[in-house]
Amino acid sequence: MSDVDQVGLLADLAAAFSAAGCDIHSAHAMSGEGQTVDSFDLTDGHGAKLPAAMQRRVEEVIAAGSASASQRARWIPFRTV
C-alpha cells in the first residue's frame, strides 16, 4: 500500500491484519519525502496462503480504518505467499 507517512501507520496496519485473522509473514516499509510504500506478505494462522475470503476481509478492515485515519491510502493488488 502507499500512503502519506504518519506516526502509528505500521501499528495501525498490524492491528488491522490481526483483526482480520491473519499473520504478517514478512514486511517491507520504505518512506521518504512524506510518503510511504509498505508491502506485506500475509498468511493465515497456520502459515498458509490467504484464501480469497480472508483477503477480502483484510481489505474490508483496512477500508474501515482508512475512513477514520487516512482517506489517501491506496492498495496495490495482493501478492500472497
N, C-alpha and C. Protein backbone atom coordinates (compact mmCIF):
# COMPACT_ATOMS: atom_id res chain seq x y z
N MET A 1 0.84 -1.17 0.00
CA MET A 1 0.00 0.00 0.00
C MET A 1 0.88 1.22 0.00
N SER A 2 0.37 2.33 -0.45
CA SER A 2 1.10 3.59 -0.33
C SER A 2 0.20 4.60 0.34
N ASP A 3 0.81 5.50 1.09
CA ASP A 3 0.05 6.46 1.88
C ASP A 3 0.98 7.60 2.26
N VAL A 4 0.41 8.64 2.83
CA VAL A 4 1.20 9.71 3.42
C VAL A 4 1.80 9.14 4.70
N ASP A 5 3.10 9.33 4.90
CA ASP A 5 3.77 8.82 6.09
C ASP A 5 3.20 9.51 7.32
N GLN A 6 2.89 8.72 8.35
CA GLN A 6 2.36 9.29 9.58
C GLN A 6 2.71 8.39 10.75
N VAL A 7 2.81 8.97 11.92
CA VAL A 7 3.13 8.24 13.12
C VAL A 7 2.04 7.21 13.38
N GLY A 8 2.44 5.98 13.65
CA GLY A 8 1.49 4.93 14.00
C GLY A 8 0.91 4.16 12.83
N LEU A 9 1.29 4.50 11.59
CA LEU A 9 0.70 3.84 10.43
C LEU A 9 0.97 2.34 10.45
N LEU A 10 2.20 1.92 10.68
CA LEU A 10 2.51 0.48 10.68
C LEU A 10 1.79 -0.24 11.83
N ALA A 11 1.70 0.40 12.97
CA ALA A 11 0.98 -0.20 14.10
C ALA A 11 -0.50 -0.37 13.76
N ASP A 12 -1.09 0.63 13.11
CA ASP A 12 -2.50 0.53 12.72
C ASP A 12 -2.71 -0.59 11.71
N LEU A 13 -1.79 -0.72 10.76
CA LEU A 13 -1.91 -1.79 9.77
C LEU A 13 -1.76 -3.16 10.42
N ALA A 14 -0.79 -3.30 11.32
CA ALA A 14 -0.61 -4.58 12.01
C ALA A 14 -1.86 -4.95 12.81
N ALA A 15 -2.47 -3.98 13.47
CA ALA A 15 -3.71 -4.24 14.21
C ALA A 15 -4.83 -4.66 13.28
N ALA A 16 -4.91 -4.03 12.11
CA ALA A 16 -5.95 -4.39 11.14
C ALA A 16 -5.74 -5.80 10.61
N PHE A 17 -4.49 -6.16 10.34
CA PHE A 17 -4.21 -7.52 9.87
C PHE A 17 -4.59 -8.54 10.94
N SER A 18 -4.28 -8.23 12.18
CA SER A 18 -4.63 -9.12 13.28
C SER A 18 -6.15 -9.24 13.42
N ALA A 19 -6.86 -8.11 13.30
CA ALA A 19 -8.32 -8.13 13.40
C ALA A 19 -8.94 -8.97 12.29
N ALA A 20 -8.28 -9.02 11.14
CA ALA A 20 -8.78 -9.81 10.01
C ALA A 20 -8.41 -11.29 10.17
N GLY A 21 -7.61 -11.61 11.19
CA GLY A 21 -7.28 -13.01 11.45
C GLY A 21 -6.06 -13.53 10.72
N CYS A 22 -5.20 -12.65 10.24
CA CYS A 22 -4.02 -13.13 9.53
C CYS A 22 -2.74 -12.69 10.22
N ASP A 23 -1.65 -13.33 9.81
CA ASP A 23 -0.34 -13.04 10.37
C ASP A 23 0.52 -12.38 9.30
N ILE A 24 1.47 -11.58 9.75
CA ILE A 24 2.43 -10.96 8.84
C ILE A 24 3.62 -11.90 8.72
N HIS A 25 3.80 -12.47 7.53
CA HIS A 25 4.91 -13.38 7.27
C HIS A 25 6.19 -12.57 7.06
N SER A 26 6.08 -11.47 6.31
CA SER A 26 7.20 -10.54 6.15
C SER A 26 6.64 -9.17 5.80
N ALA A 27 7.44 -8.14 6.08
CA ALA A 27 7.01 -6.77 5.81
C ALA A 27 8.20 -5.98 5.29
N HIS A 28 7.92 -5.07 4.38
CA HIS A 28 8.93 -4.18 3.83
C HIS A 28 8.32 -2.78 3.84
N ALA A 29 9.00 -1.85 4.49
CA ALA A 29 8.48 -0.48 4.60
C ALA A 29 9.54 0.49 4.11
N MET A 30 9.13 1.40 3.26
CA MET A 30 10.02 2.45 2.77
C MET A 30 9.28 3.78 2.92
N SER A 31 10.03 4.80 3.30
CA SER A 31 9.42 6.12 3.37
C SER A 31 10.44 7.16 2.95
N GLY A 32 9.92 8.25 2.46
CA GLY A 32 10.76 9.36 2.06
C GLY A 32 9.91 10.49 1.54
N GLU A 33 10.34 11.69 1.82
CA GLU A 33 9.63 12.88 1.35
C GLU A 33 8.15 12.86 1.73
N GLY A 34 7.86 12.35 2.94
CA GLY A 34 6.49 12.37 3.45
C GLY A 34 5.58 11.29 2.93
N GLN A 35 6.09 10.37 2.11
CA GLN A 35 5.30 9.28 1.56
C GLN A 35 5.84 7.95 2.07
N THR A 36 5.00 6.96 2.11
CA THR A 36 5.43 5.62 2.49
C THR A 36 4.87 4.61 1.51
N VAL A 37 5.65 3.59 1.25
CA VAL A 37 5.21 2.45 0.44
C VAL A 37 5.54 1.22 1.28
N ASP A 38 4.51 0.49 1.66
CA ASP A 38 4.67 -0.67 2.53
C ASP A 38 4.12 -1.89 1.81
N SER A 39 4.83 -3.00 1.91
CA SER A 39 4.31 -4.25 1.36
C SER A 39 4.38 -5.32 2.44
N PHE A 40 3.39 -6.18 2.43
CA PHE A 40 3.27 -7.22 3.45
C PHE A 40 2.95 -8.54 2.78
N ASP A 41 3.60 -9.59 3.24
CA ASP A 41 3.24 -10.95 2.85
C ASP A 41 2.46 -11.51 4.04
N LEU A 42 1.18 -11.76 3.80
CA LEU A 42 0.29 -12.20 4.87
C LEU A 42 -0.03 -13.67 4.73
N THR A 43 -0.17 -14.34 5.87
CA THR A 43 -0.57 -15.73 5.89
C THR A 43 -1.72 -15.91 6.88
N ASP A 44 -2.40 -17.06 6.77
CA ASP A 44 -3.44 -17.34 7.76
C ASP A 44 -2.77 -17.79 9.05
N GLY A 45 -3.53 -18.14 10.04
CA GLY A 45 -2.99 -18.50 11.35
C GLY A 45 -2.13 -19.75 11.35
N HIS A 46 -2.13 -20.49 10.24
CA HIS A 46 -1.34 -21.72 10.13
C HIS A 46 -0.15 -21.55 9.19
N GLY A 47 0.10 -20.31 8.73
CA GLY A 47 1.21 -20.06 7.84
C GLY A 47 0.93 -20.34 6.38
N ALA A 48 -0.32 -20.60 6.05
CA ALA A 48 -0.71 -20.91 4.67
C ALA A 48 -1.15 -19.64 3.93
N LYS A 49 -1.14 -19.74 2.62
CA LYS A 49 -1.61 -18.66 1.75
C LYS A 49 -3.03 -18.24 2.16
N LEU A 50 -3.30 -16.94 2.10
CA LEU A 50 -4.63 -16.45 2.47
C LEU A 50 -5.67 -16.89 1.44
N PRO A 51 -6.77 -17.46 1.89
CA PRO A 51 -7.87 -17.73 0.97
C PRO A 51 -8.52 -16.41 0.54
N ALA A 52 -9.23 -16.45 -0.57
CA ALA A 52 -9.85 -15.24 -1.13
C ALA A 52 -10.74 -14.54 -0.11
N ALA A 53 -11.49 -15.29 0.68
CA ALA A 53 -12.39 -14.68 1.67
C ALA A 53 -11.60 -13.89 2.71
N MET A 54 -10.43 -14.40 3.12
CA MET A 54 -9.63 -13.69 4.11
C MET A 54 -8.99 -12.46 3.48
N GLN A 55 -8.61 -12.53 2.21
CA GLN A 55 -8.07 -11.36 1.52
C GLN A 55 -9.12 -10.24 1.50
N ARG A 56 -10.37 -10.62 1.19
CA ARG A 56 -11.44 -9.61 1.19
C ARG A 56 -11.63 -9.03 2.59
N ARG A 57 -11.55 -9.86 3.61
CA ARG A 57 -11.71 -9.40 4.99
C ARG A 57 -10.62 -8.38 5.34
N VAL A 58 -9.38 -8.65 4.93
CA VAL A 58 -8.29 -7.70 5.18
C VAL A 58 -8.61 -6.37 4.52
N GLU A 59 -9.04 -6.41 3.26
CA GLU A 59 -9.37 -5.18 2.54
C GLU A 59 -10.50 -4.42 3.23
N GLU A 60 -11.51 -5.14 3.73
CA GLU A 60 -12.63 -4.50 4.43
C GLU A 60 -12.17 -3.83 5.72
N VAL A 61 -11.33 -4.52 6.48
CA VAL A 61 -10.85 -3.97 7.75
C VAL A 61 -10.01 -2.73 7.50
N ILE A 62 -9.13 -2.79 6.49
CA ILE A 62 -8.30 -1.63 6.16
C ILE A 62 -9.17 -0.47 5.68
N ALA A 63 -10.13 -0.76 4.82
CA ALA A 63 -11.02 0.30 4.32
C ALA A 63 -11.79 0.95 5.46
N ALA A 64 -12.26 0.17 6.41
CA ALA A 64 -13.00 0.71 7.55
C ALA A 64 -12.08 1.61 8.38
N GLY A 65 -10.83 1.20 8.57
CA GLY A 65 -9.88 2.01 9.32
C GLY A 65 -9.47 3.25 8.55
N SER A 66 -9.39 3.13 7.22
CA SER A 66 -8.99 4.26 6.38
C SER A 66 -9.99 5.40 6.47
N ALA A 67 -11.24 5.07 6.66
CA ALA A 67 -12.26 6.12 6.71
C ALA A 67 -11.99 7.08 7.87
N SER A 68 -11.47 6.55 8.97
CA SER A 68 -11.22 7.44 10.10
C SER A 68 -9.77 7.93 10.15
N ALA A 69 -8.83 7.15 9.63
CA ALA A 69 -7.42 7.51 9.77
C ALA A 69 -6.85 8.23 8.56
N SER A 70 -7.13 7.73 7.36
CA SER A 70 -6.49 8.30 6.18
C SER A 70 -7.28 7.94 4.93
N GLN A 71 -7.89 8.92 4.32
CA GLN A 71 -8.64 8.68 3.08
C GLN A 71 -7.71 8.46 1.90
N ARG A 72 -6.41 8.69 2.08
CA ARG A 72 -5.48 8.66 0.95
C ARG A 72 -4.87 7.29 0.69
N ALA A 73 -5.06 6.33 1.57
CA ALA A 73 -4.42 5.03 1.41
C ALA A 73 -4.81 4.41 0.07
N ARG A 74 -3.82 3.85 -0.60
CA ARG A 74 -4.05 3.21 -1.89
C ARG A 74 -3.45 1.81 -1.85
N TRP A 75 -4.28 0.83 -2.16
CA TRP A 75 -3.82 -0.56 -2.15
C TRP A 75 -3.19 -0.92 -3.47
N ILE A 76 -2.13 -1.67 -3.37
CA ILE A 76 -1.52 -2.31 -4.53
C ILE A 76 -2.02 -3.75 -4.46
N PRO A 77 -2.37 -4.37 -5.59
CA PRO A 77 -3.00 -5.71 -5.55
C PRO A 77 -2.26 -6.71 -4.68
N PHE A 78 -3.03 -7.63 -4.10
CA PHE A 78 -2.49 -8.67 -3.23
C PHE A 78 -1.47 -9.51 -3.94
N ARG A 79 -0.42 -9.82 -3.23
CA ARG A 79 0.57 -10.81 -3.64
C ARG A 79 0.66 -11.74 -2.45
N THR A 80 0.15 -12.94 -2.58
CA THR A 80 0.13 -13.84 -1.44
C THR A 80 1.32 -14.77 -1.48
N VAL A 81 1.72 -15.22 -0.31
CA VAL A 81 2.86 -16.13 -0.16
C VAL A 81 2.49 -17.49 -0.68
